[in-house]
């Protein structure tokens, strides 16, 4: 079934279980002219695991923090030409702690349509199963890599009421929770 395109689709991907990909997300990924991904190898593997068909002709373009600025004009040009593009992250909902907001802002500025394909979200999933008060909550994204940066960030939110949600690498988790 054809999409209501052309547009930039922001597509949530599974957090680990391929069965969590929504039928709508699958349709978008199967029909997109180009899939923008942090890691194109992981994106291809994810698509295969999720049963996305016709991958031979599907184009993937790497799109991550360090190349977002240089790729943005190419992506905007493709959208202006009437192409359907899908932006995915390695897992979960793009833009929550991943690149892409500058691209979305540029699309909005040019009047190019952007639509979300909602689905898995690690912050929402964690909050729903944590057994702590869900409201209010503040999402901090990834904590800084250095201890001083983590301390400063967490200190700045110490008096904010509610739950703090953040991403942290497993090898730093114990240390970060002790701050």
Protein backbone atom coordinates (compact mmCIF):
# COMPACT_ATOMS: atom_id res chain seq x y z
CA UNK A 1 0.00 0.00 0.00
CA UNK A 2 1.49 3.38 -0.95
CA UNK A 3 2.30 5.84 1.79
CA UNK A 4 0.89 9.35 2.05
CA UNK A 5 4.19 10.80 0.97
CA UNK A 6 6.64 12.23 0.21
CA UNK A 7 7.82 13.02 3.68
CA UNK A 8 10.38 12.35 6.34
CA UNK A 9 9.16 9.56 8.57
CA UNK A 10 10.53 9.30 12.11
CA UNK A 11 10.21 5.53 12.70
CA UNK A 12 10.48 3.89 16.12
CA UNK A 13 12.25 0.53 16.01
CA UNK A 14 12.23 -2.40 18.46
CA UNK A 15 14.24 -2.20 21.66
CA UNK A 16 15.32 -5.81 21.30
CA UNK A 17 12.32 -7.89 20.29
CA UNK A 18 11.66 -7.71 16.51
CA UNK A 19 7.99 -8.43 17.24
CA UNK A 20 7.68 -4.91 18.65
CA UNK A 21 7.92 -3.30 15.21
CA UNK A 22 4.48 -1.96 14.37
CA UNK A 23 2.77 -2.93 11.10
CA UNK A 24 2.78 0.75 10.10
CA UNK A 25 6.52 1.06 10.77
CA UNK A 26 7.12 -2.08 8.70
CA UNK A 27 5.11 -0.61 5.81
CA UNK A 28 7.05 2.65 5.95
CA UNK A 29 10.43 0.87 5.98
CA UNK A 30 9.39 -1.42 3.13
CA UNK A 31 8.29 1.52 0.96
CA UNK A 32 10.81 4.24 1.85
CA UNK A 33 13.16 5.33 -0.91
CA UNK A 34 15.94 5.79 1.64
CA UNK A 35 16.47 4.76 5.25
CA UNK A 36 18.62 7.07 7.36
CA UNK A 37 20.35 5.18 10.16
CA UNK A 38 23.06 5.66 12.76
CA UNK A 39 24.70 2.41 11.68
CA UNK A 40 23.65 1.10 8.27
CA UNK A 41 24.89 -2.43 9.02
CA UNK A 42 22.74 -2.61 12.15
CA UNK A 43 19.81 -1.11 10.24
CA UNK A 44 20.07 -3.78 7.55
CA UNK A 45 20.27 -6.49 10.21
CA UNK A 46 17.27 -5.00 12.04
CA UNK A 47 15.23 -4.90 8.83
CA UNK A 48 16.06 -8.53 8.11
CA UNK A 49 15.14 -9.60 11.66
CA UNK A 50 11.85 -7.74 11.38
CA UNK A 51 10.97 -9.37 8.07
CA UNK A 52 11.30 -6.26 5.91
CA UNK A 53 11.12 -7.49 2.32
CA UNK A 54 12.93 -6.35 -0.81
CA UNK A 55 16.11 -5.16 0.89
CA UNK A 56 18.26 -5.61 -2.22
CA UNK A 57 17.02 -2.36 -3.78
CA UNK A 58 16.69 -0.50 -0.48
CA UNK A 59 19.19 2.26 0.11
CA UNK A 60 20.59 3.04 3.53
CA UNK A 61 22.44 6.25 4.38
CA UNK A 62 24.44 6.70 7.56
CA UNK A 63 23.09 9.60 9.61
CA UNK A 64 24.58 10.18 13.05
CA UNK A 65 25.88 12.98 15.28
CA UNK A 66 29.17 13.46 13.46
CA UNK A 67 27.82 13.57 9.90
CA UNK A 68 24.34 15.03 10.41
CA UNK A 69 25.35 18.55 9.36
CA UNK A 70 27.06 17.43 6.15
CA UNK A 71 24.23 15.03 5.19
CA UNK A 72 21.36 17.41 5.90
CA UNK A 73 21.36 19.22 2.53
CA UNK A 74 21.40 15.91 0.61
CA UNK A 75 18.44 14.67 2.65
CA UNK A 76 16.52 17.93 2.15
CA UNK A 77 17.18 17.75 -1.60
CA UNK A 78 15.78 14.22 -1.76
CA UNK A 79 12.67 15.33 0.13
CA UNK A 80 12.23 18.31 -2.22
CA UNK A 81 12.47 15.85 -5.14
CA UNK A 82 9.51 13.93 -3.71
CA UNK A 83 11.32 11.03 -2.09
CA UNK A 84 10.05 9.15 0.94
CA UNK A 85 12.68 8.91 3.68
CA UNK A 86 12.65 7.07 6.99
CA UNK A 87 14.86 8.02 9.93
CA UNK A 88 15.55 5.25 12.43
CA UNK A 89 17.81 4.83 15.44
CA UNK A 90 19.56 1.67 16.55
CA UNK A 91 16.66 0.97 18.93
CA UNK A 92 13.60 2.85 20.08
CA UNK A 93 12.28 6.24 19.09
CA UNK A 94 14.66 8.45 17.09
CA UNK A 95 15.59 11.95 18.27
CA UNK A 96 15.05 11.25 21.99
CA UNK A 97 18.79 10.78 22.47
CA UNK A 98 19.84 10.44 18.85
CA UNK A 99 20.58 12.78 15.94
CA UNK A 100 17.82 14.20 13.80
CA UNK A 101 16.25 17.20 15.49
CA UNK A 102 18.24 19.62 13.30
CA UNK A 103 16.96 17.82 10.21
CA UNK A 104 13.38 17.92 11.47
CA UNK A 105 13.76 21.63 12.27
CA UNK A 106 15.11 22.27 8.73
CA UNK A 107 12.20 20.31 7.21
CA UNK A 108 9.70 22.33 9.23
CA UNK A 109 11.39 25.58 8.18
CA UNK A 110 11.08 24.58 4.49
CA UNK A 111 7.52 23.29 4.84
CA UNK A 112 8.55 19.70 4.14
CA UNK A 113 6.27 17.19 5.88
CA UNK A 114 7.54 15.18 8.84
CA UNK A 115 5.47 12.40 10.41
CA UNK A 116 6.19 10.09 13.33
CA UNK A 117 5.55 6.36 13.28
CA UNK A 118 5.34 5.83 17.04
CA UNK A 119 6.44 2.69 18.76
CA UNK A 120 8.98 1.47 21.29
CA UNK A 121 10.52 4.08 23.56
CA UNK A 122 13.11 3.06 26.14
CA UNK A 123 12.31 5.91 28.56
CA UNK A 124 8.59 5.14 28.50
CA UNK A 125 9.19 1.39 28.79
CA UNK A 126 11.55 1.84 31.75
CA UNK A 127 9.20 4.22 33.53
CA UNK A 128 6.20 1.95 33.01
CA UNK A 129 7.95 -1.02 34.66
CA UNK A 130 9.93 0.79 37.38
CA UNK A 131 7.23 0.98 40.01
CA UNK A 132 7.96 4.65 40.71
CA UNK A 133 5.71 7.68 40.36
CA UNK A 134 5.51 8.41 36.63
CA UNK A 135 4.53 12.06 36.91
CA UNK A 136 6.25 14.35 36.74
CA UNK A 137 9.32 12.98 35.06
CA UNK A 138 12.32 14.49 33.31
CA UNK A 139 14.30 12.76 30.59
CA UNK A 140 18.00 13.67 30.57
CA UNK A 141 19.19 11.58 27.62
CA UNK A 142 22.70 10.16 27.90
CA UNK A 143 24.71 11.24 30.92
CA UNK A 144 28.09 12.89 30.26
CA UNK A 145 31.02 10.48 29.96
CA UNK A 146 33.17 12.05 32.66
CA UNK A 147 32.37 11.78 36.36
CA UNK A 148 32.51 15.56 36.90
CA UNK A 149 30.04 16.12 34.06
CA UNK A 150 27.66 13.48 35.42
CA UNK A 151 27.89 14.98 38.92
CA UNK A 152 27.21 18.49 37.61
CA UNK A 153 24.22 17.40 35.53
CA UNK A 154 22.65 15.32 38.28
CA UNK A 155 23.28 18.09 40.83
CA UNK A 156 21.48 20.57 38.58
CA UNK A 157 18.40 18.34 38.67
CA UNK A 158 18.64 17.35 42.36
CA UNK A 159 15.81 19.67 43.38
CA UNK A 160 13.53 19.01 40.43
CA UNK A 161 10.47 17.14 41.70
CA UNK A 162 9.63 13.79 40.16
CA UNK A 163 11.53 10.98 38.50
CA UNK A 164 14.70 11.41 36.48
CA UNK A 165 15.15 9.16 33.47
CA UNK A 166 18.52 8.89 31.77
CA UNK A 167 20.57 6.60 29.58
CA UNK A 168 23.86 5.23 30.86
CA UNK A 169 26.38 2.68 29.66
CA UNK A 170 26.33 -0.54 31.65
CA UNK A 171 30.00 -0.19 32.64
CA UNK A 172 29.28 3.22 34.26
CA UNK A 173 25.84 2.50 35.69
CA UNK A 174 26.90 1.51 39.21
CA UNK A 175 29.16 4.56 39.54
CA UNK A 176 26.49 6.92 38.16
CA UNK A 177 23.79 5.60 40.48
CA UNK A 178 26.12 6.16 43.44
CA UNK A 179 26.46 9.91 42.65
